[in-house]
Amino acid sequence: MSLISLSDKQQIETSMIRMVELSNNSDALVVHHIDGTKTTVRGSGITGDADLLDEIREREKLNYGVFRKPNSK
């Protein structure tokens, strides 16, 4: 597993990720960790962060999901 840096310079250990959420109408990406903590990433790079976490999940064969929530009405 690997330690990665996200767009806001926070670092996350990929083996500790339980789930990732990105809301289309939000300015935040939320990474849920296995230990129950959360990391919130804000800024213009969150879509790229979600894509990166998706690629790493596939490459490292990890079990977390990257959920992209549709816009709420």
N, C-alpha and C. Protein backbone atom coordinates (compact mmCIF):
# COMPACT_ATOMS: atom_id res chain seq x y z
N MET A 1 0.85 -1.16 0.00
CA MET A 1 0.00 0.00 0.00
C MET A 1 0.90 1.23 0.00
N SER A 2 0.30 2.39 -0.19
CA SER A 2 1.17 3.56 -0.37
C SER A 2 0.63 4.78 0.37
N LEU A 3 1.53 5.70 0.61
CA LEU A 3 1.22 6.99 1.19
C LEU A 3 1.13 7.98 0.03
N ILE A 4 -0.01 8.64 -0.12
CA ILE A 4 -0.18 9.57 -1.24
C ILE A 4 -0.48 10.97 -0.72
N SER A 5 -0.14 11.96 -1.53
CA SER A 5 -0.46 13.36 -1.23
C SER A 5 -1.62 13.79 -2.10
N LEU A 6 -2.60 14.41 -1.48
CA LEU A 6 -3.76 14.91 -2.21
C LEU A 6 -3.54 16.37 -2.60
N SER A 7 -4.48 16.94 -3.33
CA SER A 7 -4.30 18.28 -3.90
C SER A 7 -4.06 19.37 -2.86
N ASP A 8 -4.56 19.17 -1.64
CA ASP A 8 -4.35 20.17 -0.59
C ASP A 8 -3.14 19.85 0.29
N LYS A 9 -2.33 18.90 -0.16
CA LYS A 9 -1.07 18.50 0.48
C LYS A 9 -1.25 17.57 1.68
N GLN A 10 -2.48 17.17 2.01
CA GLN A 10 -2.67 16.18 3.07
C GLN A 10 -2.20 14.83 2.54
N GLN A 11 -1.65 14.01 3.43
CA GLN A 11 -1.18 12.69 3.03
C GLN A 11 -2.08 11.63 3.64
N ILE A 12 -2.33 10.58 2.84
CA ILE A 12 -3.22 9.50 3.27
C ILE A 12 -2.57 8.17 2.94
N GLU A 13 -2.66 7.25 3.87
CA GLU A 13 -2.20 5.87 3.65
C GLU A 13 -3.36 5.12 2.99
N THR A 14 -3.15 4.64 1.78
CA THR A 14 -4.24 4.04 1.01
C THR A 14 -4.81 2.78 1.65
N SER A 15 -4.02 2.04 2.38
CA SER A 15 -4.52 0.81 3.01
C SER A 15 -5.46 1.11 4.17
N MET A 16 -5.53 2.36 4.62
CA MET A 16 -6.39 2.74 5.74
C MET A 16 -7.71 3.36 5.28
N ILE A 17 -7.96 3.40 3.98
CA ILE A 17 -9.19 4.00 3.46
C ILE A 17 -10.33 2.99 3.49
N ARG A 18 -11.48 3.42 4.00
CA ARG A 18 -12.69 2.59 4.00
C ARG A 18 -13.63 2.98 2.88
N MET A 19 -13.74 4.32 2.62
CA MET A 19 -14.66 4.82 1.62
C MET A 19 -14.29 6.26 1.28
N VAL A 20 -14.59 6.67 0.04
CA VAL A 20 -14.35 8.04 -0.40
C VAL A 20 -15.65 8.59 -0.98
N GLU A 21 -16.02 9.81 -0.59
CA GLU A 21 -17.24 10.44 -1.08
C GLU A 21 -16.93 11.78 -1.75
N LEU A 22 -17.50 11.98 -2.92
CA LEU A 22 -17.39 13.25 -3.63
C LEU A 22 -18.78 13.63 -4.08
N SER A 23 -19.28 14.76 -3.59
CA SER A 23 -20.59 15.25 -4.00
C SER A 23 -20.41 16.24 -5.13
N ASN A 24 -21.18 16.08 -6.19
CA ASN A 24 -21.04 16.94 -7.36
C ASN A 24 -21.33 18.41 -7.06
N ASN A 25 -22.15 18.69 -6.06
CA ASN A 25 -22.46 20.08 -5.76
C ASN A 25 -21.74 20.56 -4.49
N SER A 26 -20.72 19.86 -4.10
CA SER A 26 -19.96 20.22 -2.91
C SER A 26 -18.55 20.65 -3.30
N ASP A 27 -17.90 21.30 -2.39
CA ASP A 27 -16.51 21.69 -2.64
C ASP A 27 -15.57 20.83 -1.82
N ALA A 28 -16.03 19.62 -1.45
CA ALA A 28 -15.20 18.78 -0.58
C ALA A 28 -15.22 17.32 -1.00
N LEU A 29 -14.11 16.68 -0.77
CA LEU A 29 -13.96 15.24 -0.91
C LEU A 29 -13.74 14.73 0.51
N VAL A 30 -14.49 13.70 0.91
CA VAL A 30 -14.36 13.17 2.26
C VAL A 30 -13.83 11.74 2.17
N VAL A 31 -12.70 11.50 2.83
CA VAL A 31 -12.08 10.18 2.89
C VAL A 31 -12.38 9.61 4.27
N HIS A 32 -13.08 8.49 4.31
CA HIS A 32 -13.40 7.80 5.56
C HIS A 32 -12.34 6.73 5.78
N HIS A 33 -11.76 6.73 6.98
CA HIS A 33 -10.69 5.79 7.30
C HIS A 33 -11.24 4.60 8.08
N ILE A 34 -10.51 3.51 8.04
CA ILE A 34 -10.90 2.28 8.73
C ILE A 34 -11.08 2.51 10.23
N ASP A 35 -10.29 3.40 10.82
CA ASP A 35 -10.37 3.65 12.26
C ASP A 35 -11.50 4.59 12.65
N GLY A 36 -12.33 5.01 11.68
CA GLY A 36 -13.48 5.86 11.97
C GLY A 36 -13.22 7.34 11.79
N THR A 37 -11.99 7.75 11.57
CA THR A 37 -11.69 9.16 11.35
C THR A 37 -11.99 9.52 9.89
N LYS A 38 -12.05 10.82 9.63
CA LYS A 38 -12.30 11.31 8.28
C LYS A 38 -11.27 12.37 7.92
N THR A 39 -10.93 12.43 6.66
CA THR A 39 -10.09 13.49 6.12
C THR A 39 -10.93 14.22 5.09
N THR A 40 -11.05 15.53 5.23
CA THR A 40 -11.80 16.35 4.28
C THR A 40 -10.82 17.14 3.44
N VAL A 41 -10.99 17.05 2.13
CA VAL A 41 -10.14 17.75 1.18
C VAL A 41 -11.00 18.78 0.47
N ARG A 42 -10.51 20.02 0.41
CA ARG A 42 -11.27 21.10 -0.24
C ARG A 42 -10.40 21.73 -1.33
N GLY A 43 -11.08 22.33 -2.29
CA GLY A 43 -10.36 23.05 -3.33
C GLY A 43 -10.67 22.53 -4.71
N SER A 44 -10.01 23.13 -5.67
CA SER A 44 -10.31 22.83 -7.07
C SER A 44 -9.79 21.47 -7.53
N GLY A 45 -8.96 20.82 -6.75
CA GLY A 45 -8.38 19.56 -7.17
C GLY A 45 -9.09 18.31 -6.69
N ILE A 46 -10.27 18.45 -6.08
CA ILE A 46 -10.90 17.28 -5.47
C ILE A 46 -11.38 16.24 -6.48
N THR A 47 -11.79 16.67 -7.67
CA THR A 47 -12.20 15.70 -8.69
C THR A 47 -11.00 14.87 -9.12
N GLY A 48 -9.86 15.51 -9.30
CA GLY A 48 -8.63 14.79 -9.63
C GLY A 48 -8.21 13.86 -8.52
N ASP A 49 -8.41 14.29 -7.26
CA ASP A 49 -8.10 13.43 -6.12
C ASP A 49 -8.97 12.17 -6.15
N ALA A 50 -10.26 12.33 -6.44
CA ALA A 50 -11.17 11.18 -6.52
C ALA A 50 -10.73 10.22 -7.62
N ASP A 51 -10.35 10.76 -8.76
CA ASP A 51 -9.86 9.94 -9.87
C ASP A 51 -8.59 9.19 -9.47
N LEU A 52 -7.67 9.89 -8.79
CA LEU A 52 -6.42 9.27 -8.33
C LEU A 52 -6.71 8.13 -7.36
N LEU A 53 -7.61 8.37 -6.40
CA LEU A 53 -7.94 7.33 -5.43
C LEU A 53 -8.60 6.13 -6.10
N ASP A 54 -9.40 6.38 -7.14
CA ASP A 54 -10.00 5.30 -7.93
C ASP A 54 -8.92 4.47 -8.62
N GLU A 55 -7.97 5.14 -9.25
CA GLU A 55 -6.87 4.45 -9.95
C GLU A 55 -6.03 3.62 -8.99
N ILE A 56 -5.72 4.20 -7.83
CA ILE A 56 -4.92 3.48 -6.84
C ILE A 56 -5.68 2.27 -6.31
N ARG A 57 -6.98 2.42 -6.09
CA ARG A 57 -7.81 1.30 -5.62
C ARG A 57 -7.71 0.13 -6.60
N GLU A 58 -7.83 0.42 -7.88
CA GLU A 58 -7.75 -0.63 -8.89
C GLU A 58 -6.35 -1.23 -8.97
N ARG A 59 -5.34 -0.38 -8.99
CA ARG A 59 -3.96 -0.83 -9.14
C ARG A 59 -3.50 -1.68 -7.95
N GLU A 60 -3.86 -1.25 -6.74
CA GLU A 60 -3.43 -1.95 -5.53
C GLU A 60 -4.44 -3.00 -5.07
N LYS A 61 -5.54 -3.13 -5.81
CA LYS A 61 -6.59 -4.11 -5.50
C LYS A 61 -7.11 -3.94 -4.07
N LEU A 62 -7.45 -2.69 -3.74
CA LEU A 62 -7.98 -2.35 -2.42
C LEU A 62 -9.50 -2.47 -2.41
N ASN A 63 -10.09 -2.49 -1.23
CA ASN A 63 -11.53 -2.76 -1.10
C ASN A 63 -12.41 -1.54 -0.88
N TYR A 64 -11.87 -0.36 -0.86
CA TYR A 64 -12.73 0.81 -0.64
C TYR A 64 -13.43 1.22 -1.93
N GLY A 65 -14.50 1.99 -1.77
CA GLY A 65 -15.22 2.50 -2.93
C GLY A 65 -15.08 4.00 -3.02
N VAL A 66 -15.14 4.52 -4.23
CA VAL A 66 -15.14 5.97 -4.46
C VAL A 66 -16.53 6.32 -4.97
N PHE A 67 -17.32 6.98 -4.13
CA PHE A 67 -18.70 7.28 -4.45
C PHE A 67 -18.85 8.73 -4.87
N ARG A 68 -19.41 8.91 -6.04
CA ARG A 68 -19.69 10.26 -6.56
C ARG A 68 -21.18 10.47 -6.46
N LYS A 69 -21.58 11.35 -5.54
CA LYS A 69 -22.99 11.61 -5.31
C LYS A 69 -23.51 12.59 -6.35
N PRO A 70 -24.70 12.33 -6.89
CA PRO A 70 -25.27 13.28 -7.85
C PRO A 70 -25.70 14.58 -7.15
N ASN A 71 -25.92 15.61 -7.96
CA ASN A 71 -26.36 16.88 -7.41
C ASN A 71 -27.70 16.71 -6.70
N SER A 72 -27.86 17.36 -5.56
CA SER A 72 -29.15 17.32 -4.86
C SER A 72 -30.02 18.44 -5.38
N LYS A 73 -31.32 18.22 -5.33
CA LYS A 73 -32.26 19.21 -5.88
C LYS A 73 -33.00 19.91 -4.78
